[in-house]
PDB file of all heavy atoms in Angstrom:
ATOM      1  N   ARG A   1       0.849  -1.195   0.000  1.00  0.00           N
ATOM      2  CA  ARG A   1       0.000   0.000   0.000  1.00  0.00           C
ATOM      3  C   ARG A   1       0.882   1.241   0.000  1.00  0.00           C
ATOM      4  O   ARG A   1       1.819   1.357   0.787  1.00  0.00           O
ATOM      5  CB  ARG A   1      -0.926  -0.018   1.214  1.00  0.00           C
ATOM      6  CG  ARG A   1      -1.818   1.206   1.345  1.00  0.00           C
ATOM      7  CD  ARG A   1      -3.021   0.901   2.224  1.00  0.00           C
ATOM      8  NE  ARG A   1      -3.917  -0.038   1.541  1.00  0.00           N
ATOM      9  CZ  ARG A   1      -5.056  -0.484   2.067  1.00  0.00           C
ATOM     10  NH1 ARG A   1      -5.421  -0.098   3.286  1.00  0.00           N
ATOM     11  NH2 ARG A   1      -5.819  -1.318   1.393  1.00  0.00           N
ATOM     12  N   PHE A   2       0.569   2.180  -0.872  1.00  0.00           N
ATOM     13  CA  PHE A   2       1.342   3.416  -1.009  1.00  0.00           C
ATOM     14  C   PHE A   2       0.421   4.605  -0.724  1.00  0.00           C
ATOM     15  O   PHE A   2      -0.571   4.818  -1.426  1.00  0.00           O
ATOM     16  CB  PHE A   2       1.922   3.526  -2.419  1.00  0.00           C
ATOM     17  CG  PHE A   2       2.824   2.375  -2.795  1.00  0.00           C
ATOM     18  CD1 PHE A   2       2.305   1.219  -3.363  1.00  0.00           C
ATOM     19  CD2 PHE A   2       4.188   2.447  -2.573  1.00  0.00           C
ATOM     20  CE1 PHE A   2       3.117   0.159  -3.711  1.00  0.00           C
ATOM     21  CE2 PHE A   2       5.018   1.388  -2.916  1.00  0.00           C
ATOM     22  CZ  PHE A   2       4.484   0.239  -3.484  1.00  0.00           C
ATOM     23  N   TYR A   3       0.780   5.378   0.299  1.00  0.00           N
ATOM     24  CA  TYR A   3      -0.040   6.510   0.711  1.00  0.00           C
ATOM     25  C   TYR A   3       0.431   7.810   0.063  1.00  0.00           C
ATOM     26  O   TYR A   3       1.587   7.958  -0.322  1.00  0.00           O
ATOM     27  CB  TYR A   3      -0.009   6.662   2.226  1.00  0.00           C
ATOM     28  CG  TYR A   3      -0.828   5.622   2.956  1.00  0.00           C
ATOM     29  CD1 TYR A   3      -0.226   4.472   3.462  1.00  0.00           C
ATOM     30  CD2 TYR A   3      -2.189   5.792   3.134  1.00  0.00           C
ATOM     31  CE1 TYR A   3      -0.971   3.514   4.130  1.00  0.00           C
ATOM     32  CE2 TYR A   3      -2.946   4.840   3.806  1.00  0.00           C
ATOM     33  CZ  TYR A   3      -2.332   3.710   4.295  1.00  0.00           C
ATOM     34  OH  TYR A   3      -3.071   2.763   4.955  1.00  0.00           O
ATOM     35  N   GLN A   4      -0.490   8.766   0.011  1.00  0.00           N
ATOM     36  CA  GLN A   4      -0.181  10.082  -0.560  1.00  0.00           C
ATOM     37  C   GLN A   4       0.926  10.771   0.227  1.00  0.00           C
ATOM     38  O   GLN A   4       1.836  11.357  -0.334  1.00  0.00           O
ATOM     39  CB  GLN A   4      -1.450  10.949  -0.538  1.00  0.00           C
ATOM     40  CG  GLN A   4      -1.254  12.360  -1.055  1.00  0.00           C
ATOM     41  CD  GLN A   4      -2.532  13.180  -0.957  1.00  0.00           C
ATOM     42  OE1 GLN A   4      -3.507  12.750  -0.328  1.00  0.00           O
ATOM     43  NE2 GLN A   4      -2.548  14.332  -1.561  1.00  0.00           N
ATOM     44  N   TYR A   5       0.853  10.682   1.541  1.00  0.00           N
ATOM     45  CA  TYR A   5       1.863  11.337   2.369  1.00  0.00           C
ATOM     46  C   TYR A   5       2.909  10.297   2.738  1.00  0.00           C
ATOM     47  O   TYR A   5       2.817   9.615   3.754  1.00  0.00           O
ATOM     48  CB  TYR A   5       1.220  11.943   3.620  1.00  0.00           C
ATOM     49  CG  TYR A   5       0.119  12.924   3.294  1.00  0.00           C
ATOM     50  CD1 TYR A   5      -1.113  12.835   3.908  1.00  0.00           C
ATOM     51  CD2 TYR A   5       0.326  13.923   2.347  1.00  0.00           C
ATOM     52  CE1 TYR A   5      -2.126  13.737   3.603  1.00  0.00           C
ATOM     53  CE2 TYR A   5      -0.671  14.819   2.022  1.00  0.00           C
ATOM     54  CZ  TYR A   5      -1.901  14.725   2.656  1.00  0.00           C
ATOM     55  OH  TYR A   5      -2.895  15.616   2.339  1.00  0.00           O
ATOM     56  N   ASP A   6       3.895  10.185   1.889  1.00  0.00           N
ATOM     57  CA  ASP A   6       4.921   9.159   2.051  1.00  0.00           C
ATOM     58  C   ASP A   6       6.113   9.730   2.807  1.00  0.00           C
ATOM     59  O   ASP A   6       6.008  10.733   3.506  1.00  0.00           O
ATOM     60  CB  ASP A   6       5.329   8.589   0.694  1.00  0.00           C
ATOM     61  CG  ASP A   6       5.829   9.680  -0.256  1.00  0.00           C
ATOM     62  OD1 ASP A   6       6.072  10.809   0.220  1.00  0.00           O
ATOM     63  OD2 ASP A   6       5.967   9.402  -1.459  1.00  0.00           O
ATOM     64  N   TYR A   7       7.277   9.085   2.637  1.00  0.00           N
ATOM     65  CA  TYR A   7       8.452   9.502   3.392  1.00  0.00           C
ATOM     66  C   TYR A   7       8.905  10.922   3.050  1.00  0.00           C
ATOM     67  O   TYR A   7       9.502  11.611   3.869  1.00  0.00           O
ATOM     68  CB  TYR A   7       9.598   8.515   3.140  1.00  0.00           C
ATOM     69  CG  TYR A   7       9.303   7.123   3.610  1.00  0.00           C
ATOM     70  CD1 TYR A   7       8.997   6.113   2.702  1.00  0.00           C
ATOM     71  CD2 TYR A   7       9.293   6.818   4.961  1.00  0.00           C
ATOM     72  CE1 TYR A   7       8.697   4.830   3.140  1.00  0.00           C
ATOM     73  CE2 TYR A   7       9.003   5.532   5.409  1.00  0.00           C
ATOM     74  CZ  TYR A   7       8.703   4.555   4.491  1.00  0.00           C
ATOM     75  OH  TYR A   7       8.421   3.286   4.925  1.00  0.00           O
ATOM     76  N   GLU A   8       8.621  11.387   1.837  1.00  0.00           N
ATOM     77  CA  GLU A   8       9.080  12.719   1.438  1.00  0.00           C
ATOM     78  C   GLU A   8       8.385  13.818   2.224  1.00  0.00           C
ATOM     79  O   GLU A   8       8.927  14.892   2.408  1.00  0.00           O
ATOM     80  CB  GLU A   8       8.835  12.913  -0.062  1.00  0.00           C
ATOM     81  CG  GLU A   8       9.677  11.994  -0.928  1.00  0.00           C
ATOM     82  CD  GLU A   8       9.416  12.213  -2.398  1.00  0.00           C
ATOM     83  OE1 GLU A   8       8.592  13.086  -2.709  1.00  0.00           O
ATOM     84  OE2 GLU A   8      10.024  11.517  -3.217  1.00  0.00           O
ATOM     85  N   THR A   9       7.161  13.567   2.665  1.00  0.00           N
ATOM     86  CA  THR A   9       6.424  14.592   3.415  1.00  0.00           C
ATOM     87  C   THR A   9       6.137  14.137   4.842  1.00  0.00           C
ATOM     88  O   THR A   9       5.285  14.710   5.514  1.00  0.00           O
ATOM     89  CB  THR A   9       5.093  14.918   2.707  1.00  0.00           C
ATOM     90  OG1 THR A   9       4.285  13.728   2.654  1.00  0.00           O
ATOM     91  CG2 THR A   9       5.330  15.427   1.307  1.00  0.00           C
ATOM     92  N   ALA A  10       6.844  13.111   5.304  1.00  0.00           N
ATOM     93  CA  ALA A  10       6.577  12.560   6.625  1.00  0.00           C
ATOM     94  C   ALA A  10       6.854  13.564   7.746  1.00  0.00           C
ATOM     95  O   ALA A  10       6.255  13.485   8.810  1.00  0.00           O
ATOM     96  CB  ALA A  10       7.414  11.296   6.836  1.00  0.00           C
ATOM     97  N   LYS A  11       7.765  14.513   7.499  1.00  0.00           N
ATOM     98  CA  LYS A  11       8.120  15.483   8.531  1.00  0.00           C
ATOM     99  C   LYS A  11       7.074  16.598   8.655  1.00  0.00           C
ATOM    100  O   LYS A  11       7.101  17.370   9.607  1.00  0.00           O
ATOM    101  CB  LYS A  11       9.494  16.089   8.226  1.00  0.00           C
ATOM    102  CG  LYS A  11      10.633  15.070   8.322  1.00  0.00           C
ATOM    103  CD  LYS A  11      11.971  15.729   8.055  1.00  0.00           C
ATOM    104  CE  LYS A  11      13.100  14.715   8.158  1.00  0.00           C
ATOM    105  NZ  LYS A  11      14.428  15.328   7.898  1.00  0.00           N
ATOM    106  N   LEU A  12       6.175  16.696   7.678  1.00  0.00           N
ATOM    107  CA  LEU A  12       5.134  17.712   7.732  1.00  0.00           C
ATOM    108  C   LEU A  12       3.974  17.220   8.582  1.00  0.00           C
ATOM    109  O   LEU A  12       3.748  16.021   8.731  1.00  0.00           O
ATOM    110  CB  LEU A  12       4.645  18.046   6.324  1.00  0.00           C
ATOM    111  CG  LEU A  12       5.703  18.559   5.347  1.00  0.00           C
ATOM    112  CD1 LEU A  12       5.074  18.821   3.980  1.00  0.00           C
ATOM    113  CD2 LEU A  12       6.351  19.835   5.881  1.00  0.00           C
ATOM    114  N   ASP A  13       3.230  18.146   9.158  1.00  0.00           N
ATOM    115  CA  ASP A  13       2.113  17.800  10.016  1.00  0.00           C
ATOM    116  C   ASP A  13       0.851  17.617   9.179  1.00  0.00           C
ATOM    117  O   ASP A  13       0.262  18.584   8.701  1.00  0.00           O
ATOM    118  CB  ASP A  13       1.897  18.903  11.063  1.00  0.00           C
ATOM    119  CG  ASP A  13       0.796  18.531  12.049  1.00  0.00           C
ATOM    120  OD1 ASP A  13       0.330  17.375  11.999  1.00  0.00           O
ATOM    121  OD2 ASP A  13       0.423  19.396  12.868  1.00  0.00           O
ATOM    122  N   HIS A  14       0.451  16.360   9.001  1.00  0.00           N
ATOM    123  CA  HIS A  14      -0.785  16.064   8.273  1.00  0.00           C
ATOM    124  C   HIS A  14      -1.914  15.666   9.221  1.00  0.00           C
ATOM    125  O   HIS A  14      -2.885  15.038   8.818  1.00  0.00           O
ATOM    126  CB  HIS A  14      -0.534  14.939   7.257  1.00  0.00           C
ATOM    127  CG  HIS A  14       0.464  15.286   6.211  1.00  0.00           C
ATOM    128  ND1 HIS A  14       0.268  16.270   5.271  1.00  0.00           N
ATOM    129  CD2 HIS A  14       1.700  14.778   5.952  1.00  0.00           C
ATOM    130  CE1 HIS A  14       1.327  16.348   4.470  1.00  0.00           C
ATOM    131  NE2 HIS A  14       2.209  15.471   4.878  1.00  0.00           N
ATOM    132  N   HIS A  15      -1.740  16.013  10.516  1.00  0.00           N
ATOM    133  CA  HIS A  15      -2.763  15.772  11.535  1.00  0.00           C
ATOM    134  C   HIS A  15      -3.139  14.285  11.596  1.00  0.00           C
ATOM    135  O   HIS A  15      -4.303  13.933  11.814  1.00  0.00           O
ATOM    136  CB  HIS A  15      -4.016  16.618  11.264  1.00  0.00           C
ATOM    137  CG  HIS A  15      -3.734  18.069  11.072  1.00  0.00           C
ATOM    138  ND1 HIS A  15      -3.386  18.912  12.116  1.00  0.00           N
ATOM    139  CD2 HIS A  15      -3.699  18.826   9.942  1.00  0.00           C
ATOM    140  CE1 HIS A  15      -3.178  20.140  11.654  1.00  0.00           C
ATOM    141  NE2 HIS A  15      -3.351  20.111  10.336  1.00  0.00           N
ATOM    142  N   GLY A  16      -2.146  13.408  11.394  1.00  0.00           N
ATOM    143  CA  GLY A  16      -2.393  11.983  11.466  1.00  0.00           C
ATOM    144  C   GLY A  16      -3.020  11.380  10.225  1.00  0.00           C
ATOM    145  O   GLY A  16      -3.276  10.179  10.182  1.00  0.00           O
ATOM    146  N   CYS A  17      -3.257  12.198   9.206  1.00  0.00           N
ATOM    147  CA  CYS A  17      -3.877  11.710   7.979  1.00  0.00           C
ATOM    148  C   CYS A  17      -2.794  11.246   6.999  1.00  0.00           C
ATOM    149  O   CYS A  17      -1.823  11.961   6.751  1.00  0.00           O
ATOM    150  CB  CYS A  17      -4.715  12.809   7.333  1.00  0.00           C
ATOM    151  SG  CYS A  17      -5.538  12.299   5.815  1.00  0.00           S
ATOM    152  N   GLN A  18      -2.952  10.058   6.440  1.00  0.00           N
ATOM    153  CA  GLN A  18      -1.977   9.542   5.474  1.00  0.00           C
ATOM    154  C   GLN A  18      -2.373   9.828   4.025  1.00  0.00           C
ATOM    155  O   GLN A  18      -1.625   9.540   3.109  1.00  0.00           O
ATOM    156  CB  GLN A  18      -1.820   8.026   5.666  1.00  0.00           C
ATOM    157  CG  GLN A  18      -1.176   7.653   6.988  1.00  0.00           C
ATOM    158  CD  GLN A  18      -1.068   6.155   7.167  1.00  0.00           C
ATOM    159  OE1 GLN A  18      -2.056   5.478   7.431  1.00  0.00           O
ATOM    160  NE2 GLN A  18       0.132   5.631   7.019  1.00  0.00           N
ATOM    161  N   GLY A  19      -3.541  10.394   3.816  1.00  0.00           N
ATOM    162  CA  GLY A  19      -3.966  10.757   2.472  1.00  0.00           C
ATOM    163  C   GLY A  19      -4.500   9.580   1.689  1.00  0.00           C
ATOM    164  O   GLY A  19      -4.587   8.456   2.185  1.00  0.00           O
ATOM    165  N   VAL A  20      -4.857   9.832   0.430  1.00  0.00           N
ATOM    166  CA  VAL A  20      -5.358   8.762  -0.424  1.00  0.00           C
ATOM    167  C   VAL A  20      -4.232   7.764  -0.693  1.00  0.00           C
ATOM    168  O   VAL A  20      -3.057   8.065  -0.483  1.00  0.00           O
ATOM    169  CB  VAL A  20      -5.911   9.325  -1.748  1.00  0.00           C
ATOM    170  CG1 VAL A  20      -7.085  10.262  -1.485  1.00  0.00           C
ATOM    171  CG2 VAL A  20      -4.831  10.048  -2.530  1.00  0.00           C
ATOM    172  N   TYR A  21      -4.575   6.575  -1.186  1.00  0.00           N
ATOM    173  CA  TYR A  21      -3.566   5.538  -1.359  1.00  0.00           C
ATOM    174  C   TYR A  21      -3.925   4.651  -2.538  1.00  0.00           C
ATOM    175  O   TYR A  21      -5.062   4.641  -3.022  1.00  0.00           O
ATOM    176  CB  TYR A  21      -3.436   4.695  -0.092  1.00  0.00           C
ATOM    177  CG  TYR A  21      -4.688   3.943   0.290  1.00  0.00           C
ATOM    178  CD1 TYR A  21      -4.941   2.661  -0.193  1.00  0.00           C
ATOM    179  CD2 TYR A  21      -5.634   4.519   1.144  1.00  0.00           C
ATOM    180  CE1 TYR A  21      -6.086   1.976   0.150  1.00  0.00           C
ATOM    181  CE2 TYR A  21      -6.787   3.836   1.496  1.00  0.00           C
ATOM    182  CZ  TYR A  21      -7.014   2.564   1.001  1.00  0.00           C
ATOM    183  OH  TYR A  21      -8.151   1.884   1.341  1.00  0.00           O
ATOM    184  N   PHE A  22      -2.923   3.899  -3.006  1.00  0.00           N
ATOM    185  CA  PHE A  22      -3.168   2.855  -3.992  1.00  0.00           C
ATOM    186  C   PHE A  22      -2.447   1.589  -3.563  1.00  0.00           C
ATOM    187  O   PHE A  22      -1.450   1.640  -2.830  1.00  0.00           O
ATOM    188  CB  PHE A  22      -2.733   3.286  -5.400  1.00  0.00           C
ATOM    189  CG  PHE A  22      -1.248   3.457  -5.587  1.00  0.00           C
ATOM    190  CD1 PHE A  22      -0.457   2.423  -6.073  1.00  0.00           C
ATOM    191  CD2 PHE A  22      -0.628   4.671  -5.306  1.00  0.00           C
ATOM    192  CE1 PHE A  22       0.903   2.579  -6.260  1.00  0.00           C
ATOM    193  CE2 PHE A  22       0.734   4.839  -5.490  1.00  0.00           C
ATOM    194  CZ  PHE A  22       1.504   3.797  -5.976  1.00  0.00           C
ATOM    195  N   ASP A  23      -2.952   0.447  -3.982  1.00  0.00           N
ATOM    196  CA  ASP A  23      -2.367  -0.855  -3.684  1.00  0.00           C
ATOM    197  C   ASP A  23      -1.799  -1.455  -4.962  1.00  0.00           C
ATOM    198  O   ASP A  23      -2.407  -1.339  -6.031  1.00  0.00           O
ATOM    199  CB  ASP A  23      -3.410  -1.806  -3.102  1.00  0.00           C
ATOM    200  CG  ASP A  23      -3.907  -1.357  -1.739  1.00  0.00           C
ATOM    201  OD1 ASP A  23      -3.133  -0.690  -1.028  1.00  0.00           O
ATOM    202  OD2 ASP A  23      -5.057  -1.667  -1.391  1.00  0.00           O
ATOM    203  N   ALA A  24      -0.648  -2.107  -4.865  1.00  0.00           N
ATOM    204  CA  ALA A  24      -0.016  -2.665  -6.069  1.00  0.00           C
ATOM    205  C   ALA A  24       0.925  -3.803  -5.702  1.00  0.00           C
ATOM    206  O   ALA A  24       1.552  -3.797  -4.643  1.00  0.00           O
ATOM    207  CB  ALA A  24       0.757  -1.583  -6.817  1.00  0.00           C
ATOM    208  N   ASP A  25       1.027  -4.774  -6.599  1.00  0.00           N
ATOM    209  CA  ASP A  25       1.985  -5.867  -6.470  1.00  0.00           C
ATOM    210  C   ASP A  25       3.394  -5.392  -6.785  1.00  0.00           C
ATOM    211  O   ASP A  25       3.606  -4.551  -7.670  1.00  0.00           O
ATOM    212  CB  ASP A  25       1.659  -6.992  -7.462  1.00  0.00           C
ATOM    213  CG  ASP A  25       0.558  -7.907  -6.962  1.00  0.00           C
ATOM    214  OD1 ASP A  25       0.211  -7.839  -5.766  1.00  0.00           O
ATOM    215  OD2 ASP A  25       0.032  -8.700  -7.770  1.00  0.00           O
ATOM    216  N   ILE A  26       4.365  -5.956  -6.094  1.00  0.00           N
ATOM    217  CA  ILE A  26       5.779  -5.875  -6.459  1.00  0.00           C
ATOM    218  C   ILE A  26       6.312  -7.302  -6.430  1.00  0.00           C
ATOM    219  O   ILE A  26       6.226  -7.980  -5.407  1.00  0.00           O
ATOM    220  CB  ILE A  26       6.576  -4.988  -5.491  1.00  0.00           C
ATOM    221  CG1 ILE A  26       6.113  -3.542  -5.575  1.00  0.00           C
ATOM    222  CG2 ILE A  26       8.072  -5.095  -5.781  1.00  0.00           C
ATOM    223  CD1 ILE A  26       6.829  -2.620  -4.604  1.00  0.00           C
ATOM    224  N   ASN A  27       6.841  -7.776  -7.571  1.00  0.00           N
ATOM    225  CA  ASN A  27       7.375  -9.128  -7.646  1.00  0.00           C
ATOM    226  C   ASN A  27       8.894  -9.040  -7.705  1.00  0.00           C
ATOM    227  O   ASN A  27       9.456  -8.379  -8.577  1.00  0.00           O
ATOM    228  CB  ASN A  27       6.834  -9.863  -8.877  1.00  0.00           C
ATOM    229  CG  ASN A  27       7.267 -11.318  -8.918  1.00  0.00           C
ATOM    230  OD1 ASN A  27       8.255 -11.659  -9.556  1.00  0.00           O
ATOM    231  ND2 ASN A  27       6.540 -12.175  -8.224  1.00  0.00           N
ATOM    232  N   TYR A  28       9.563  -9.695  -6.776  1.00  0.00           N
ATOM    233  CA  TYR A  28      11.015  -9.571  -6.635  1.00  0.00           C
ATOM    234  C   TYR A  28      11.673 -10.945  -6.725  1.00  0.00           C
ATOM    235  O   TYR A  28      11.178 -11.915  -6.155  1.00  0.00           O
ATOM    236  CB  TYR A  28      11.349  -8.934  -5.285  1.00  0.00           C
ATOM    237  CG  TYR A  28      12.809  -8.949  -4.927  1.00  0.00           C
ATOM    238  CD1 TYR A  28      13.689  -8.030  -5.496  1.00  0.00           C
ATOM    239  CD2 TYR A  28      13.321  -9.875  -4.020  1.00  0.00           C
ATOM    240  CE1 TYR A  28      15.031  -8.041  -5.173  1.00  0.00           C
ATOM    241  CE2 TYR A  28      14.660  -9.892  -3.691  1.00  0.00           C
ATOM    242  CZ  TYR A  28      15.517  -8.975  -4.273  1.00  0.00           C
ATOM    243  OH  TYR A  28      16.852  -8.988  -3.947  1.00  0.00           O
ATOM    244  N   MET A  29      12.788 -11.023  -7.464  1.00  0.00           N
ATOM    245  CA  MET A  29      13.556 -12.253  -7.586  1.00  0.00           C
ATOM    246  C   MET A  29      15.035 -11.922  -7.510  1.00  0.00           C
ATOM    247  O   MET A  29      15.499 -10.983  -8.139  1.00  0.00           O
ATOM    248  CB  MET A  29      13.241 -12.961  -8.906  1.00  0.00           C
ATOM    249  CG  MET A  29      13.762 -14.395  -9.011  1.00  0.00           C
ATOM    250  SD  MET A  29      15.504 -14.574  -9.452  1.00  0.00           S
ATOM    251  CE  MET A  29      15.642 -13.654 -10.961  1.00  0.00           C
TER     252      MET A  29
END
């Protein structure tokens, strides 16, 4: 799951809100 407020804006105060998000597969070998 990838949220709108990711590590780049983690230091900003979003009042506990992580924003909209999308879900996606990652296949690793």
